[in-house]
Amino acid sequence: MLIKSLNKCNYTQVVDKTVLCELLHPKNQNIEMGCSIAHAIIEPGKASLPHKLNKSVEIYYMLEGEGEMHIDSESALVKPGDAIYIPPGSSQWIENHGDDPLKFLCVVTPPWQENDEEICD
């Protein structure tokens, strides 16, 4: 049985400026799964950089806080309980409009790979 706890997860700031903890990834746990799952945090007044995954679908599941999601030319307010579908190749970024940290899960299928992500101009 594999159980991974956020309490024991190592957070780092990644290339898009999100603070992230990789919860489950097949390359790290040596498991077979068709996705990767990470926990992300954006502090109040901060935003991720516009970026895209060229080959992977990404889903954000909002846990805490309030923000605004931008995908290509569209934007919408997001809150806990919202699931956001991000198609491959879409320019996307999220910003925290609230007074508390914005926390969400990032599910990426196929699993996230560094060479698939790029920062947009």
Protein backbone atom coordinates (compact mmCIF):
# COMPACT_ATOMS: atom_id res chain seq x y z
CA MET A 1 0.00 0.00 0.00
CA LEU A 2 1.31 3.44 -0.92
CA ILE A 3 0.15 6.46 1.08
CA LYS A 4 1.78 9.86 0.60
CA SER A 5 1.09 12.65 3.10
CA LEU A 6 1.24 16.40 2.45
CA ASN A 7 2.75 16.71 5.94
CA LYS A 8 5.87 14.88 4.73
CA CYS A 9 6.01 16.32 1.22
CA ASN A 10 8.89 18.53 0.05
CA TYR A 11 7.72 21.78 -1.56
CA THR A 12 9.80 23.68 -4.11
CA GLN A 13 9.17 26.68 -6.33
CA VAL A 14 8.95 25.41 -9.91
CA VAL A 15 9.62 27.14 -13.22
CA ASP A 16 6.12 28.71 -13.43
CA LYS A 17 6.64 30.23 -9.91
CA THR A 18 4.10 27.90 -8.25
CA VAL A 19 5.16 26.30 -4.95
CA LEU A 20 4.64 22.61 -5.60
CA CYS A 21 4.87 19.20 -3.97
CA GLU A 22 4.78 16.15 -6.22
CA LEU A 23 2.46 13.77 -4.37
CA LEU A 24 2.42 10.84 -6.78
CA HIS A 25 4.44 10.39 -9.93
CA PRO A 26 5.24 7.03 -11.53
CA LYS A 27 8.94 7.93 -11.90
CA ASN A 28 9.28 8.69 -8.16
CA GLN A 29 7.27 5.87 -6.64
CA ASN A 30 8.01 3.22 -9.29
CA ILE A 31 4.30 2.61 -9.78
CA GLU A 32 2.11 2.21 -12.84
CA MET A 33 -0.35 5.04 -13.26
CA GLY A 34 -1.47 7.15 -16.20
CA CYS A 35 -1.16 10.50 -14.44
CA SER A 36 0.82 12.46 -11.89
CA ILE A 37 -0.64 14.39 -8.96
CA ALA A 38 0.87 17.45 -7.31
CA HIS A 39 -0.26 19.87 -4.59
CA ALA A 40 0.25 23.53 -5.48
CA ILE A 41 0.21 26.73 -3.42
CA ILE A 42 0.10 30.34 -4.59
CA GLU A 43 0.39 33.02 -1.92
CA PRO A 44 -2.00 36.02 -1.77
CA GLY A 45 -1.30 38.59 -4.48
CA LYS A 46 0.88 36.18 -6.46
CA ALA A 47 0.35 34.34 -9.75
CA SER A 48 1.91 31.55 -11.75
CA LEU A 49 3.71 32.50 -14.94
CA PRO A 50 1.87 31.87 -18.22
CA HIS A 51 2.93 28.40 -19.35
CA LYS A 52 1.71 25.39 -21.26
CA LEU A 53 2.05 21.65 -21.41
CA ASN A 54 2.34 20.69 -25.05
CA LYS A 55 1.32 17.02 -24.84
CA SER A 56 -0.49 16.60 -21.53
CA VAL A 57 -3.96 17.39 -20.25
CA GLU A 58 -3.92 19.15 -16.90
CA ILE A 59 -6.73 19.35 -14.37
CA TYR A 60 -6.68 21.74 -11.42
CA TYR A 61 -8.91 20.83 -8.49
CA MET A 62 -9.33 23.80 -6.18
CA LEU A 63 -9.02 23.07 -2.45
CA GLU A 64 -8.67 26.43 -0.66
CA GLY A 65 -8.69 30.13 -1.49
CA GLU A 66 -10.04 32.18 -4.39
CA GLY A 67 -8.43 33.12 -7.64
CA GLU A 68 -8.72 33.69 -11.35
CA MET A 69 -7.85 31.04 -13.93
CA HIS A 70 -6.67 32.08 -17.38
CA ILE A 71 -6.64 29.63 -20.30
CA ASP A 72 -5.73 31.11 -23.69
CA SER A 73 -8.08 34.11 -24.12
CA GLU A 74 -10.60 33.02 -21.44
CA SER A 75 -10.60 33.73 -17.71
CA ALA A 76 -12.90 32.83 -14.82
CA LEU A 77 -13.02 33.10 -11.05
CA VAL A 78 -12.32 29.83 -9.25
CA LYS A 79 -13.04 28.60 -5.73
CA PRO A 80 -12.86 25.40 -3.65
CA GLY A 81 -14.66 22.49 -5.28
CA ASP A 82 -14.02 23.70 -8.84
CA ALA A 83 -12.30 21.36 -11.32
CA ILE A 84 -10.62 23.08 -14.27
CA TYR A 85 -9.79 21.26 -17.52
CA ILE A 86 -6.69 22.60 -19.32
CA PRO A 87 -6.23 21.19 -22.85
CA PRO A 88 -2.76 20.32 -24.17
CA GLY A 89 -0.98 23.27 -25.79
CA SER A 90 -3.08 25.90 -23.98
CA SER A 91 -1.41 28.94 -22.48
CA GLN A 92 -2.51 29.02 -18.85
CA TRP A 93 -1.89 30.78 -15.56
CA ILE A 94 -3.66 31.26 -12.26
CA GLU A 95 -3.61 34.16 -9.84
CA ASN A 96 -4.57 34.46 -6.19
CA HIS A 97 -7.05 37.27 -5.53
CA GLY A 98 -7.80 36.30 -1.94
CA ASP A 99 -6.26 36.99 1.46
CA ASP A 100 -5.33 33.34 2.03
CA PRO A 101 -3.09 30.93 0.11
CA LEU A 102 -4.63 29.43 -3.02
CA LYS A 103 -4.25 25.64 -2.79
CA PHE A 104 -5.10 23.12 -5.47
CA LEU A 105 -4.27 19.70 -6.87
CA CYS A 106 -2.69 19.39 -10.32
CA VAL A 107 -3.49 16.16 -12.13
CA VAL A 108 -1.49 15.68 -15.34
CA THR A 109 -2.06 12.92 -17.89
CA PRO A 110 0.16 11.52 -19.24
CA PRO A 111 2.33 12.18 -16.18
CA TRP A 112 4.10 15.54 -16.05
CA GLN A 113 7.51 15.73 -17.72
CA GLU A 114 9.86 18.69 -17.54
CA ASN A 115 10.52 18.70 -21.30
CA ASP A 116 6.76 19.03 -22.00
CA GLU A 117 6.35 22.32 -20.12
CA GLU A 118 7.30 25.73 -21.46
CA ILE A 119 6.93 29.29 -20.24
CA CYS A 120 4.91 31.50 -22.61
CA ASP A 121 5.93 35.02 -23.58
